Amino acid sequence: MINNELSVIDSLEELEAFLLSVENGGLGLQGVEGIGMATNNTDGRHFIAVFNNQHQLIYGRWISDDVFNNGKELVSKGPRRTH
């Protein structure tokens, strides 16, 4: 389930803002337990995935190849800013 098919996160700043939004409840998601990067098996496109406690995808956004390659540490360690 990729939300907003046309909106692609294409910079690390946008990725960080997205992560902060998820952490702060800005997307209204319930039961968030994890965030990761993944690749769509069908077409090879990369996306950021928000998971619940059963490891089910509850929200996703496409990301650029650059963000996929350079944003892994940001996703694994979390955003630096707090606001």
PDB file of N, CA and C in Angstrom:
ATOM      1  N   MET A   1       0.838  -1.162   0.000  1.00  0.00           N
ATOM      2  CA  MET A   1       0.000   0.000   0.000  1.00  0.00           C
ATOM      3  C   MET A   1       0.892   1.238   0.000  1.00  0.00           C
ATOM      4  N   ILE A   2       1.128   1.788  -1.163  1.00  0.00           N
ATOM      5  CA  ILE A   2       1.892   3.027  -1.270  1.00  0.00           C
ATOM      6  C   ILE A   2       0.903   4.177  -1.284  1.00  0.00           C
ATOM      7  N   ASN A   3       1.083   5.084  -0.350  1.00  0.00           N
ATOM      8  CA  ASN A   3       0.203   6.234  -0.258  1.00  0.00           C
ATOM      9  C   ASN A   3       0.755   7.352  -1.119  1.00  0.00           C
ATOM     10  N   ASN A   4      -0.120   8.054  -1.784  1.00  0.00           N
ATOM     11  CA  ASN A   4       0.263   9.170  -2.641  1.00  0.00           C
ATOM     12  C   ASN A   4       1.250   8.708  -3.714  1.00  0.00           C
ATOM     13  N   GLU A   5       0.740   8.006  -4.665  1.00  0.00           N
ATOM     14  CA  GLU A   5       1.526   7.377  -5.738  1.00  0.00           C
ATOM     15  C   GLU A   5       2.486   8.339  -6.434  1.00  0.00           C
ATOM     16  N   LEU A   6       2.117   9.596  -6.556  1.00  0.00           N
ATOM     17  CA  LEU A   6       2.927  10.547  -7.312  1.00  0.00           C
ATOM     18  C   LEU A   6       3.972  11.280  -6.475  1.00  0.00           C
ATOM     19  N   SER A   7       3.870  11.219  -5.170  1.00  0.00           N
ATOM     20  CA  SER A   7       4.785  11.954  -4.300  1.00  0.00           C
ATOM     21  C   SER A   7       5.988  11.086  -3.953  1.00  0.00           C
ATOM     22  N   VAL A   8       7.139  11.445  -4.503  1.00  0.00           N
ATOM     23  CA  VAL A   8       8.372  10.699  -4.282  1.00  0.00           C
ATOM     24  C   VAL A   8       9.285  11.515  -3.373  1.00  0.00           C
ATOM     25  N   ILE A   9       9.799  10.893  -2.334  1.00  0.00           N
ATOM     26  CA  ILE A   9      10.785  11.545  -1.476  1.00  0.00           C
ATOM     27  C   ILE A   9      12.112  11.483  -2.225  1.00  0.00           C
ATOM     28  N   ASP A  10      12.653  12.664  -2.582  1.00  0.00           N
ATOM     29  CA  ASP A  10      13.865  12.647  -3.409  1.00  0.00           C
ATOM     30  C   ASP A  10      15.040  13.405  -2.809  1.00  0.00           C
ATOM     31  N   SER A  11      14.983  13.698  -1.505  1.00  0.00           N
ATOM     32  CA  SER A  11      16.148  14.288  -0.842  1.00  0.00           C
ATOM     33  C   SER A  11      16.204  13.784   0.592  1.00  0.00           C
ATOM     34  N   LEU A  12      17.390  13.837   1.171  1.00  0.00           N
ATOM     35  CA  LEU A  12      17.541  13.406   2.560  1.00  0.00           C
ATOM     36  C   LEU A  12      16.783  14.327   3.510  1.00  0.00           C
ATOM     37  N   GLU A  13      16.648  15.592   3.150  1.00  0.00           N
ATOM     38  CA  GLU A  13      15.883  16.521   3.978  1.00  0.00           C
ATOM     39  C   GLU A  13      14.413  16.123   4.005  1.00  0.00           C
ATOM     40  N   GLU A  14      13.871  15.735   2.846  1.00  0.00           N
ATOM     41  CA  GLU A  14      12.477  15.279   2.787  1.00  0.00           C
ATOM     42  C   GLU A  14      12.300  13.980   3.567  1.00  0.00           C
ATOM     43  N   LEU A  15      13.290  13.097   3.483  1.00  0.00           N
ATOM     44  CA  LEU A  15      13.236  11.845   4.226  1.00  0.00           C
ATOM     45  C   LEU A  15      13.216  12.129   5.726  1.00  0.00           C
ATOM     46  N   GLU A  16      14.076  13.021   6.159  1.00  0.00           N
ATOM     47  CA  GLU A  16      14.126  13.366   7.582  1.00  0.00           C
ATOM     48  C   GLU A  16      12.799  13.973   8.036  1.00  0.00           C
ATOM     49  N   ALA A  17      12.211  14.846   7.234  1.00  0.00           N
ATOM     50  CA  ALA A  17      10.925  15.450   7.572  1.00  0.00           C
ATOM     51  C   ALA A  17       9.835  14.376   7.657  1.00  0.00           C
ATOM     52  N   PHE A  18       9.869  13.407   6.749  1.00  0.00           N
ATOM     53  CA  PHE A  18       8.901  12.316   6.776  1.00  0.00           C
ATOM     54  C   PHE A  18       9.056  11.500   8.058  1.00  0.00           C
ATOM     55  N   LEU A  19      10.297  11.162   8.410  1.00  0.00           N
ATOM     56  CA  LEU A  19      10.544  10.378   9.624  1.00  0.00           C
ATOM     57  C   LEU A  19      10.066  11.118  10.865  1.00  0.00           C
ATOM     58  N   LEU A  20      10.340  12.408  10.926  1.00  0.00           N
ATOM     59  CA  LEU A  20       9.878  13.216  12.060  1.00  0.00           C
ATOM     60  C   LEU A  20       8.356  13.254  12.112  1.00  0.00           C
ATOM     61  N   SER A  21       7.728  13.354  10.965  1.00  0.00           N
ATOM     62  CA  SER A  21       6.269  13.380  10.910  1.00  0.00           C
ATOM     63  C   SER A  21       5.679  12.076  11.443  1.00  0.00           C
ATOM     64  N   VAL A  22       6.272  10.956  11.073  1.00  0.00           N
ATOM     65  CA  VAL A  22       5.800   9.658  11.571  1.00  0.00           C
ATOM     66  C   VAL A  22       6.005   9.588  13.086  1.00  0.00           C
ATOM     67  N   GLU A  23       7.197   9.973  13.557  1.00  0.00           N
ATOM     68  CA  GLU A  23       7.506   9.924  14.988  1.00  0.00           C
ATOM     69  C   GLU A  23       6.588  10.810  15.811  1.00  0.00           C
ATOM     70  N   ASN A  24       6.226  11.965  15.262  1.00  0.00           N
ATOM     71  CA  ASN A  24       5.414  12.936  15.998  1.00  0.00           C
ATOM     72  C   ASN A  24       3.921  12.722  15.812  1.00  0.00           C
ATOM     73  N   GLY A  25       3.525  11.688  15.074  1.00  0.00           N
ATOM     74  CA  GLY A  25       2.115  11.405  14.871  1.00  0.00           C
ATOM     75  C   GLY A  25       1.442  12.286  13.845  1.00  0.00           C
ATOM     76  N   GLY A  26       2.226  12.982  13.052  1.00  0.00           N
ATOM     77  CA  GLY A  26       1.682  13.919  12.076  1.00  0.00           C
ATOM     78  C   GLY A  26       0.889  13.298  10.947  1.00  0.00           C
ATOM     79  N   LEU A  27       1.054  12.008  10.714  1.00  0.00           N
ATOM     80  CA  LEU A  27       0.317  11.339   9.646  1.00  0.00           C
ATOM     81  C   LEU A  27      -0.934  10.644  10.160  1.00  0.00           C
ATOM     82  N   GLY A  28      -1.134  10.666  11.470  1.00  0.00           N
ATOM     83  CA  GLY A  28      -2.312  10.039  12.052  1.00  0.00           C
ATOM     84  C   GLY A  28      -2.292   8.524  12.015  1.00  0.00           C
ATOM     85  N   LEU A  29      -1.111   7.935  11.909  1.00  0.00           N
ATOM     86  CA  LEU A  29      -1.004   6.477  11.856  1.00  0.00           C
ATOM     87  C   LEU A  29      -1.102   5.885  13.261  1.00  0.00           C
ATOM     88  N   GLN A  30      -1.776   4.772  13.375  1.00  0.00           N
ATOM     89  CA  GLN A  30      -1.939   4.080  14.653  1.00  0.00           C
ATOM     90  C   GLN A  30      -1.115   2.796  14.656  1.00  0.00           C
ATOM     91  N   GLY A  31      -0.478   2.486  15.777  1.00  0.00           N
ATOM     92  CA  GLY A  31       0.232   1.222  15.930  1.00  0.00           C
ATOM     93  C   GLY A  31       1.558   1.138  15.207  1.00  0.00           C
ATOM     94  N   VAL A  32       2.226   2.264  15.006  1.00  0.00           N
ATOM     95  CA  VAL A  32       3.528   2.260  14.327  1.00  0.00           C
ATOM     96  C   VAL A  32       4.565   1.597  15.229  1.00  0.00           C
ATOM     97  N   GLU A  33       5.270   0.612  14.676  1.00  0.00           N
ATOM     98  CA  GLU A  33       6.305  -0.097  15.427  1.00  0.00           C
ATOM     99  C   GLU A  33       7.668  -0.051  14.754  1.00  0.00           C
ATOM    100  N   GLY A  34       7.717   0.322  13.486  1.00  0.00           N
ATOM    101  CA  GLY A  34       8.999   0.350  12.807  1.00  0.00           C
ATOM    102  C   GLY A  34       8.914   1.008  11.443  1.00  0.00           C
ATOM    103  N   ILE A  35      10.093   1.422  10.977  1.00  0.00           N
ATOM    104  CA  ILE A  35      10.219   2.043   9.666  1.00  0.00           C
ATOM    105  C   ILE A  35      11.418   1.407   8.981  1.00  0.00           C
ATOM    106  N   GLY A  36      11.297   1.135   7.701  1.00  0.00           N
ATOM    107  CA  GLY A  36      12.400   0.564   6.958  1.00  0.00           C
ATOM    108  C   GLY A  36      12.335   0.950   5.493  1.00  0.00           C
ATOM    109  N   MET A  37      13.393   0.635   4.790  1.00  0.00           N
ATOM    110  CA  MET A  37      13.439   0.838   3.348  1.00  0.00           C
ATOM    111  C   MET A  37      13.274  -0.519   2.682  1.00  0.00           C
ATOM    112  N   ALA A  38      12.616  -0.516   1.540  1.00  0.00           N
ATOM    113  CA  ALA A  38      12.366  -1.766   0.844  1.00  0.00           C
ATOM    114  C   ALA A  38      12.359  -1.518  -0.661  1.00  0.00           C
ATOM    115  N   THR A  39      12.326  -2.609  -1.404  1.00  0.00           N
ATOM    116  CA  THR A  39      12.263  -2.560  -2.858  1.00  0.00           C
ATOM    117  C   THR A  39      11.049  -3.350  -3.310  1.00  0.00           C
ATOM    118  N   ASN A  40      10.266  -2.753  -4.189  1.00  0.00           N
ATOM    119  CA  ASN A  40       9.089  -3.406  -4.743  1.00  0.00           C
ATOM    120  C   ASN A  40       9.553  -4.541  -5.659  1.00  0.00           C
ATOM    121  N   ASN A  41       9.093  -5.738  -5.388  1.00  0.00           N
ATOM    122  CA  ASN A  41       9.495  -6.904  -6.187  1.00  0.00           C
ATOM    123  C   ASN A  41       8.993  -6.839  -7.620  1.00  0.00           C
ATOM    124  N   THR A  42       7.895  -6.151  -7.847  1.00  0.00           N
ATOM    125  CA  THR A  42       7.295  -6.099  -9.177  1.00  0.00           C
ATOM    126  C   THR A  42       8.090  -5.237 -10.145  1.00  0.00           C
ATOM    127  N   ASP A  43       8.447  -4.020  -9.697  1.00  0.00           N
ATOM    128  CA  ASP A  43       9.099  -3.096 -10.630  1.00  0.00           C
ATOM    129  C   ASP A  43      10.454  -2.569 -10.167  1.00  0.00           C
ATOM    130  N   GLY A  44      10.921  -2.979  -8.993  1.00  0.00           N
ATOM    131  CA  GLY A  44      12.244  -2.584  -8.517  1.00  0.00           C
ATOM    132  C   GLY A  44      12.325  -1.195  -7.910  1.00  0.00           C
ATOM    133  N   ARG A  45      11.182  -0.507  -7.800  1.00  0.00           N
ATOM    134  CA  ARG A  45      11.187   0.830  -7.194  1.00  0.00           C
ATOM    135  C   ARG A  45      11.395   0.714  -5.686  1.00  0.00           C
ATOM    136  N   HIS A  46      12.084   1.702  -5.132  1.00  0.00           N
ATOM    137  CA  HIS A  46      12.361   1.719  -3.700  1.00  0.00           C
ATOM    138  C   HIS A  46      11.287   2.521  -2.972  1.00  0.00           C
ATOM    139  N   PHE A  47      11.043   2.143  -1.706  1.00  0.00           N
ATOM    140  CA  PHE A  47      10.083   2.884  -0.902  1.00  0.00           C
ATOM    141  C   PHE A  47      10.447   2.831   0.571  1.00  0.00           C
ATOM    142  N   ILE A  48       9.906   3.785   1.307  1.00  0.00           N
ATOM    143  CA  ILE A  48      10.035   3.810   2.758  1.00  0.00           C
ATOM    144  C   ILE A  48       8.756   3.190   3.295  1.00  0.00           C
ATOM    145  N   ALA A  49       8.883   2.254   4.216  1.00  0.00           N
ATOM    146  CA  ALA A  49       7.747   1.499   4.719  1.00  0.00           C
ATOM    147  C   ALA A  49       7.576   1.730   6.215  1.00  0.00           C
ATOM    148  N   VAL A  50       6.329   1.934   6.626  1.00  0.00           N
ATOM    149  CA  VAL A  50       5.990   2.058   8.035  1.00  0.00           C
ATOM    150  C   VAL A  50       5.225   0.794   8.402  1.00  0.00           C
ATOM    151  N   PHE A  51       5.687   0.110   9.454  1.00  0.00           N
ATOM    152  CA  PHE A  51       5.137  -1.187   9.836  1.00  0.00           C
ATOM    153  C   PHE A  51       4.434  -1.121  11.194  1.00  0.00           C
ATOM    154  N   ASN A  52       3.469  -2.031  11.379  1.00  0.00           N
ATOM    155  CA  ASN A  52       2.848  -2.178  12.692  1.00  0.00           C
ATOM    156  C   ASN A  52       3.558  -3.285  13.461  1.00  0.00           C
ATOM    157  N   ASN A  53       3.033  -3.653  14.624  1.00  0.00           N
ATOM    158  CA  ASN A  53       3.707  -4.647  15.471  1.00  0.00           C
ATOM    159  C   ASN A  53       3.641  -6.065  14.900  1.00  0.00           C
ATOM    160  N   GLN A  54       2.862  -6.268  13.861  1.00  0.00           N
ATOM    161  CA  GLN A  54       2.817  -7.566  13.191  1.00  0.00           C
ATOM    162  C   GLN A  54       3.615  -7.553  11.890  1.00  0.00           C
ATOM    163  N   HIS A  55       4.464  -6.542  11.741  1.00  0.00           N
ATOM    164  CA  HIS A  55       5.327  -6.373  10.569  1.00  0.00           C
ATOM    165  C   HIS A  55       4.540  -6.200   9.284  1.00  0.00           C
ATOM    166  N   GLN A  56       3.326  -5.662   9.383  1.00  0.00           N
ATOM    167  CA  GLN A  56       2.500  -5.390   8.211  1.00  0.00           C
ATOM    168  C   GLN A  56       2.699  -3.941   7.790  1.00  0.00           C
ATOM    169  N   LEU A  57       2.734  -3.732   6.495  1.00  0.00           N
ATOM    170  CA  LEU A  57       2.874  -2.391   5.949  1.00  0.00           C
ATOM    171  C   LEU A  57       1.598  -1.598   6.213  1.00  0.00           C
ATOM    172  N   ILE A  58       1.734  -0.450   6.906  1.00  0.00           N
ATOM    173  CA  ILE A  58       0.562   0.388   7.146  1.00  0.00           C
ATOM    174  C   ILE A  58       0.653   1.714   6.388  1.00  0.00           C
ATOM    175  N   TYR A  59       1.840   2.043   5.891  1.00  0.00           N
ATOM    176  CA  TYR A  59       2.001   3.273   5.122  1.00  0.00           C
ATOM    177  C   TYR A  59       3.290   3.161   4.328  1.00  0.00           C
ATOM    178  N   GLY A  60       3.294   3.665   3.127  1.00  0.00           N
ATOM    179  CA  GLY A  60       4.493   3.642   2.307  1.00  0.00           C
ATOM    180  C   GLY A  60       4.579   4.851   1.403  1.00  0.00           C
ATOM    181  N   ARG A  61       5.804   5.257   1.110  1.00  0.00           N
ATOM    182  CA  ARG A  61       6.054   6.359   0.164  1.00  0.00           C
ATOM    183  C   ARG A  61       7.227   5.960  -0.711  1.00  0.00           C
ATOM    184  N   TRP A  62       7.114   6.235  -1.996  1.00  0.00           N
ATOM    185  CA  TRP A  62       8.224   5.987  -2.916  1.00  0.00           C
ATOM    186  C   TRP A  62       9.386   6.893  -2.552  1.00  0.00           C
ATOM    187  N   ILE A  63      10.602   6.406  -2.767  1.00  0.00           N
ATOM    188  CA  ILE A  63      11.811   7.206  -2.565  1.00  0.00           C
ATOM    189  C   ILE A  63      12.697   7.057  -3.793  1.00  0.00           C
ATOM    190  N   SER A  64      13.515   8.063  -4.013  1.00  0.00           N
ATOM    191  CA  SER A  64      14.437   8.022  -5.157  1.00  0.00           C
ATOM    192  C   SER A  64      15.574   7.043  -4.879  1.00  0.00           C
ATOM    193  N   ASP A  65      16.271   6.664  -5.939  1.00  0.00           N
ATOM    194  CA  ASP A  65      17.439   5.786  -5.783  1.00  0.00           C
ATOM    195  C   ASP A  65      18.485   6.440  -4.894  1.00  0.00           C
ATOM    196  N   ASP A  66      18.680   7.753  -5.041  1.00  0.00           N
ATOM    197  CA  ASP A  66      19.661   8.468  -4.226  1.00  0.00           C
ATOM    198  C   ASP A  66      19.306   8.387  -2.745  1.00  0.00           C
ATOM    199  N   VAL A  67      18.038   8.604  -2.419  1.00  0.00           N
ATOM    200  CA  VAL A  67      17.599   8.524  -1.020  1.00  0.00           C
ATOM    201  C   VAL A  67      17.761   7.090  -0.507  1.00  0.00           C
ATOM    202  N   PHE A  68      17.436   6.107  -1.333  1.00  0.00           N
ATOM    203  CA  PHE A  68      17.604   4.706  -0.930  1.00  0.00           C
ATOM    204  C   PHE A  68      19.071   4.400  -0.624  1.00  0.00           C
ATOM    205  N   ASN A  69      19.957   4.879  -1.471  1.00  0.00           N
ATOM    206  CA  ASN A  69      21.381   4.587  -1.299  1.00  0.00           C
ATOM    207  C   ASN A  69      22.031   5.376  -0.173  1.00  0.00           C
ATOM    208  N   ASN A  70      21.562   6.589   0.086  1.00  0.00           N
ATOM    209  CA  ASN A  70      22.234   7.459   1.052  1.00  0.00           C
ATOM    210  C   ASN A  70      21.452   7.711   2.339  1.00  0.00           C
ATOM    211  N   GLY A  71      20.238   7.204   2.447  1.00  0.00           N
ATOM    212  CA  GLY A  71      19.413   7.476   3.615  1.00  0.00           C
ATOM    213  C   GLY A  71      19.288   6.328   4.598  1.00  0.00           C
ATOM    214  N   LYS A  72      20.020   5.254   4.372  1.00  0.00           N
ATOM    215  CA  LYS A  72      19.890   4.069   5.225  1.00  0.00           C
ATOM    216  C   LYS A  72      20.259   4.358   6.681  1.00  0.00           C
ATOM    217  N   GLU A  73      21.312   5.126   6.895  1.00  0.00           N
ATOM    218  CA  GLU A  73      21.716   5.450   8.266  1.00  0.00           C
ATOM    219  C   GLU A  73      20.667   6.326   8.949  1.00  0.00           C
ATOM    220  N   LEU A  74      20.107   7.252   8.215  1.00  0.00           N
ATOM    221  CA  LEU A  74      19.071   8.128   8.755  1.00  0.00           C
ATOM    222  C   LEU A  74      17.854   7.308   9.197  1.00  0.00           C
ATOM    223  N   VAL A  75      17.482   6.318   8.412  1.00  0.00           N
ATOM    224  CA  VAL A  75      16.343   5.473   8.770  1.00  0.00           C
ATOM    225  C   VAL A  75      16.693   4.583   9.967  1.00  0.00           C
ATOM    226  N   SER A  76      17.886   4.007   9.973  1.00  0.00           N
ATOM    227  CA  SER A  76      18.233   3.083  11.054  1.00  0.00           C
ATOM    228  C   SER A  76      18.499   3.792  12.383  1.00  0.00           C
ATOM    229  N   LYS A  77      19.069   4.989  12.341  1.00  0.00           N
ATOM    230  CA  LYS A  77      19.410   5.694  13.589  1.00  0.00           C
ATOM    231  C   LYS A  77      18.385   6.756  13.964  1.00  0.00           C
ATOM    232  N   GLY A  78      17.520   7.126  13.033  1.00  0.00           N
ATOM    233  CA  GLY A  78      16.504   8.135  13.304  1.00  0.00           C
ATOM    234  C   GLY A  78      16.971   9.525  12.946  1.00  0.00           C
ATOM    235  N   PRO A  79      16.022  10.441  12.871  1.00  0.00           N
ATOM    236  CA  PRO A  79      16.336  11.839  12.510  1.00  0.00           C
ATOM    237  C   PRO A  79      17.163  12.514  13.579  1.00  0.00           C
ATOM    238  N   ARG A  80      17.960  13.490  13.153  1.00  0.00           N
ATOM    239  CA  ARG A  80      18.829  14.234  14.079  1.00  0.00           C
ATOM    240  C   ARG A  80      18.069  15.334  14.790  1.00  0.00           C
ATOM    241  N   ARG A  81      17.167  15.978  14.069  1.00  0.00           N
ATOM    242  CA  ARG A  81      16.431  17.109  14.644  1.00  0.00           C
ATOM    243  C   ARG A  81      15.265  16.632  15.487  1.00  0.00           C
ATOM    244  N   THR A  82      14.818  17.508  16.379  1.00  0.00           N
ATOM    245  CA  THR A  82      13.678  17.154  17.220  1.00  0.00           C
ATOM    246  C   THR A  82      12.471  18.012  16.934  1.00  0.00           C
ATOM    247  N   HIS A  83      12.555  18.941  15.987  1.00  0.00           N
ATOM    248  CA  HIS A  83      11.405  19.770  15.620  1.00  0.00           C
ATOM    249  C   HIS A  83      11.387  20.049  14.158  1.00  0.00           C
TER     250      HIS A  83
END
